[in-house]
Amino acid sequence: MKFILGKKLEMSQIFKDDKVLPVTLIEAGPCFVTQIKTKEPPKAPSGQRGKKDGYEAIQIGFEKLKEKKVKKPQEGKPFRYLREFKGKLEEYKVGQKIDVSIFKEGDKVKISGISKGKGFQGAVKRWGFSGRDATHGVKHEHRTLGSVGSSFPERVLKGKKMPGRMGAERVTVSNLRIVKIDTENNLLAVKGAIPGRRGTLLEIKS
């Protein structure tokens, strides 16, 4: 399994085989392995007990902080972002560098990020409701959601589609193809759109 952290930069287009491909540019890495978590505790010096994580994962850090910005809890892991991934533990070591060179053009990847926040929205925009008819007798009610309950049990059931906060949720898009890789500038050009605004942290896996 390959994985890396990155930031969404912007959308652009690439001309390839007389076709225009819409792409999203991502600044991916470099990332560094900060910790390897294991089910069993590692060997500790005599008289001491090793710390047990209870699960296997590889923790990586992205965007190294300047020394003056490192707070006390971040000592030893001076990165703005820390995320964990599953993978073969024996292939990684603490301090190992991970960059865009692990991918190849044409690879399919799965990208996760936080979608754009849209604020408080009505049911027509949030859920795609059609609204009320624009006819006689309908006044100031064109975008209301209509009835929300029934005679029994005389309350609004949990999970009812109603107005509320929209967006700002974790979204994962699969089968995105890497069109171009720029190893010098740590850039990935991925075909299609990716969740989030500019600067959104992205988890890229293949």
Protein backbone atom coordinates (compact mmCIF):
# COMPACT_ATOMS: atom_id res chain seq x y z
CA MET A 1 0.00 0.00 0.00
CA LYS A 2 1.28 3.47 -0.95
CA PHE A 3 0.24 6.58 0.95
CA ILE A 4 1.17 10.24 1.36
CA LEU A 5 -0.28 13.50 2.69
CA GLY A 6 -0.75 16.57 0.55
CA LYS A 7 -2.49 19.93 0.10
CA LYS A 8 -4.95 20.90 -2.60
CA LEU A 9 -3.56 23.78 -4.67
CA GLU A 10 -5.92 24.50 -7.57
CA MET A 11 -7.65 23.07 -10.63
CA SER A 12 -6.07 23.34 -14.06
CA GLN A 13 -6.02 21.51 -17.40
CA ILE A 14 -3.52 19.40 -19.32
CA PHE A 15 -3.47 18.71 -23.05
CA LYS A 16 -2.81 15.03 -23.78
CA ASP A 17 -3.42 13.06 -27.01
CA ASP A 18 -5.40 15.96 -28.54
CA LYS A 19 -7.69 15.99 -25.47
CA VAL A 20 -8.13 18.49 -22.66
CA LEU A 21 -7.99 16.81 -19.25
CA PRO A 22 -9.29 18.67 -16.18
CA VAL A 23 -6.81 18.09 -13.34
CA THR A 24 -6.35 19.05 -9.70
CA LEU A 25 -2.85 20.03 -8.63
CA ILE A 26 -1.72 18.67 -5.26
CA GLU A 27 1.41 19.52 -3.28
CA ALA A 28 2.18 16.05 -1.93
CA GLY A 29 4.89 15.57 0.69
CA PRO A 30 7.61 15.20 1.51
CA CYS A 31 6.37 13.27 4.55
CA PHE A 32 8.39 11.50 7.23
CA VAL A 33 7.62 8.40 9.30
CA THR A 34 7.28 9.61 12.91
CA GLN A 35 6.12 6.40 14.63
CA ILE A 36 5.40 2.74 13.93
CA LYS A 37 2.62 1.36 16.11
CA THR A 38 2.49 -2.34 16.91
CA LYS A 39 0.10 -4.75 18.63
CA GLU A 40 2.83 -6.11 20.87
CA PRO A 41 5.16 -3.84 22.89
CA PRO A 42 8.71 -3.44 21.51
CA LYS A 43 11.63 -4.84 23.48
CA ALA A 44 12.46 -2.55 26.38
CA PRO A 45 15.55 -2.40 28.63
CA SER A 46 15.55 -4.75 31.61
CA GLY A 47 13.39 -3.51 34.45
CA GLN A 48 11.15 -1.47 32.11
CA ARG A 49 7.92 -2.35 30.33
CA GLY A 50 7.41 -1.57 26.65
CA LYS A 51 4.44 0.52 25.60
CA LYS A 52 1.67 -1.43 23.82
CA ASP A 53 -0.35 0.33 21.11
CA GLY A 54 -2.84 -2.50 20.56
CA TYR A 55 -2.97 -2.05 16.77
CA GLU A 56 -0.64 -1.79 13.79
CA ALA A 57 -0.21 1.49 11.92
CA ILE A 58 2.37 3.77 10.37
CA GLN A 59 2.22 7.40 11.51
CA ILE A 60 3.58 10.03 9.15
CA GLY A 61 4.10 13.78 9.53
CA PHE A 62 3.62 16.50 6.91
CA GLU A 63 4.69 20.15 6.80
CA LYS A 64 7.58 20.54 9.21
CA LEU A 65 7.28 23.42 11.68
CA LYS A 66 9.91 26.03 12.42
CA GLU A 67 11.74 25.48 15.72
CA LYS A 68 10.17 28.56 17.37
CA LYS A 69 6.65 27.32 16.51
CA VAL A 70 7.07 23.85 18.05
CA LYS A 71 4.96 23.56 21.21
CA LYS A 72 5.81 21.27 24.12
CA PRO A 73 3.46 18.40 23.14
CA GLN A 74 4.94 18.46 19.62
CA GLU A 75 8.54 17.93 20.71
CA GLY A 76 9.94 14.91 18.87
CA LYS A 77 7.24 15.24 16.18
CA PRO A 78 7.54 18.83 14.89
CA PHE A 79 4.91 18.55 12.12
CA ARG A 80 1.72 20.49 11.47
CA TYR A 81 -0.16 17.33 10.43
CA LEU A 82 0.09 13.75 11.71
CA ARG A 83 -1.92 10.89 10.20
CA GLU A 84 -1.88 7.09 10.45
CA PHE A 85 -2.11 4.50 7.67
CA LYS A 86 -2.16 0.72 7.51
CA GLY A 87 0.71 -0.96 5.71
CA LYS A 88 3.51 -3.51 5.96
CA LEU A 89 5.44 -2.40 9.04
CA GLU A 90 8.67 -4.09 8.00
CA GLU A 91 8.92 -1.81 4.92
CA TYR A 92 9.12 1.39 7.01
CA LYS A 93 11.51 2.89 9.55
CA VAL A 94 11.18 5.93 11.81
CA GLY A 95 12.58 8.98 10.01
CA GLN A 96 12.06 7.49 6.54
CA LYS A 97 11.13 10.02 3.83
CA ILE A 98 8.04 9.52 1.65
CA ASP A 99 7.63 11.64 -1.49
CA VAL A 100 5.76 11.62 -4.82
CA SER A 101 8.33 9.26 -6.38
CA ILE A 102 6.43 6.32 -4.84
CA PHE A 103 3.71 6.85 -7.49
CA LYS A 104 3.77 6.43 -11.27
CA GLU A 105 1.82 8.19 -13.99
CA GLY A 106 -1.37 6.22 -14.63
CA ASP A 107 -1.71 4.95 -11.03
CA LYS A 108 -5.24 4.94 -9.58
CA VAL A 109 -5.52 6.57 -6.15
CA LYS A 110 -8.12 7.13 -3.45
CA ILE A 111 -8.19 10.65 -1.99
CA SER A 112 -9.91 11.78 1.24
CA GLY A 113 -10.45 15.35 2.43
CA ILE A 114 -12.89 17.69 4.17
CA SER A 115 -15.45 19.14 1.75
CA LYS A 116 -16.25 22.84 1.48
CA GLY A 117 -18.50 24.16 4.26
CA LYS A 118 -21.73 25.72 2.90
CA GLY A 119 -23.17 26.92 6.21
CA PHE A 120 -26.83 26.51 7.25
CA GLN A 121 -28.93 25.56 4.21
CA GLY A 122 -32.56 24.77 3.51
CA ALA A 123 -33.89 21.37 2.45
CA VAL A 124 -34.11 22.31 -1.25
CA LYS A 125 -30.35 22.93 -1.50
CA ARG A 126 -29.22 20.43 1.12
CA TRP A 127 -31.31 17.42 0.03
CA GLY A 128 -32.54 18.34 -3.46
CA PHE A 129 -36.24 18.73 -2.49
CA SER A 130 -38.44 20.20 -5.25
CA GLY A 131 -40.24 22.70 -3.00
CA ARG A 132 -43.93 23.65 -3.27
CA ASP A 133 -45.87 24.46 -6.45
CA ALA A 134 -45.71 28.05 -7.69
CA THR A 135 -49.52 28.31 -7.99
CA HIS A 136 -52.47 30.06 -6.32
CA GLY A 137 -52.64 29.49 -2.59
CA VAL A 138 -48.86 29.08 -2.14
CA LYS A 139 -47.50 32.24 -0.54
CA HIS A 140 -43.97 32.55 0.87
CA GLU A 141 -43.78 28.75 0.93
CA HIS A 142 -42.02 27.92 -2.33
CA ARG A 143 -38.87 26.42 -0.76
CA THR A 144 -40.31 24.88 2.41
CA LEU A 145 -39.98 21.13 2.97
CA GLY A 146 -43.65 20.42 3.75
CA SER A 147 -44.94 18.02 6.39
CA VAL A 148 -42.31 16.57 8.76
CA GLY A 149 -44.43 14.25 10.91
CA SER A 150 -47.54 12.10 11.15
CA SER A 151 -50.46 11.59 13.55
CA PHE A 152 -48.49 8.82 15.23
CA PRO A 153 -46.06 8.91 17.05
CA GLU A 154 -46.73 12.69 17.17
CA ARG A 155 -43.09 13.69 16.98
CA VAL A 156 -40.39 14.18 14.36
CA LEU A 157 -38.54 10.90 13.76
CA LYS A 158 -34.75 10.80 14.02
CA GLY A 159 -32.91 11.09 10.71
CA LYS A 160 -35.59 13.19 9.01
CA LYS A 161 -34.15 15.25 6.14
CA MET A 162 -34.45 18.85 7.29
CA PRO A 163 -32.58 22.17 6.98
CA GLY A 164 -29.19 22.26 8.71
CA ARG A 165 -25.44 22.52 8.35
CA MET A 166 -24.21 21.47 4.91
CA GLY A 167 -20.72 20.40 3.85
CA ALA A 168 -17.55 20.37 5.98
CA GLU A 169 -17.65 16.55 6.02
CA ARG A 170 -15.04 13.92 5.25
CA VAL A 171 -15.40 12.85 1.61
CA THR A 172 -13.48 10.07 -0.18
CA VAL A 173 -13.19 9.82 -3.98
CA SER A 174 -11.86 6.57 -5.47
CA ASN A 175 -10.29 5.62 -8.82
CA LEU A 176 -8.70 9.00 -9.54
CA ARG A 177 -5.90 8.70 -12.11
CA ILE A 178 -2.52 10.40 -11.73
CA VAL A 179 -1.86 12.20 -15.02
CA LYS A 180 1.50 13.84 -14.26
CA ILE A 181 4.15 13.83 -11.52
CA ASP A 182 6.65 16.64 -10.83
CA THR A 183 9.23 15.19 -8.42
CA GLU A 184 11.26 18.43 -8.22
CA ASN A 185 8.32 20.49 -6.93
CA ASN A 186 6.49 17.63 -5.12
CA LEU A 187 3.41 18.01 -7.32
CA LEU A 188 0.75 15.52 -8.42
CA ALA A 189 -1.73 16.26 -11.22
CA VAL A 190 -4.83 14.11 -10.67
CA LYS A 191 -7.62 13.87 -13.24
CA GLY A 192 -10.94 15.24 -12.00
CA ALA A 193 -12.15 17.15 -8.96
CA ILE A 194 -11.14 16.57 -5.35
CA PRO A 195 -13.10 17.52 -2.19
CA GLY A 196 -12.24 20.67 -0.27
CA ARG A 197 -11.10 24.22 -0.78
CA ARG A 198 -7.58 25.37 -1.63
CA GLY A 199 -5.21 24.39 1.15
CA THR A 200 -7.30 21.40 2.30
CA LEU A 201 -5.27 18.53 3.77
CA LEU A 202 -5.60 15.39 1.63
CA GLU A 203 -4.88 11.73 2.35
CA ILE A 204 -3.73 9.97 -0.82
CA LYS A 205 -3.67 6.16 -0.96
CA SER A 206 -3.30 3.51 -3.64
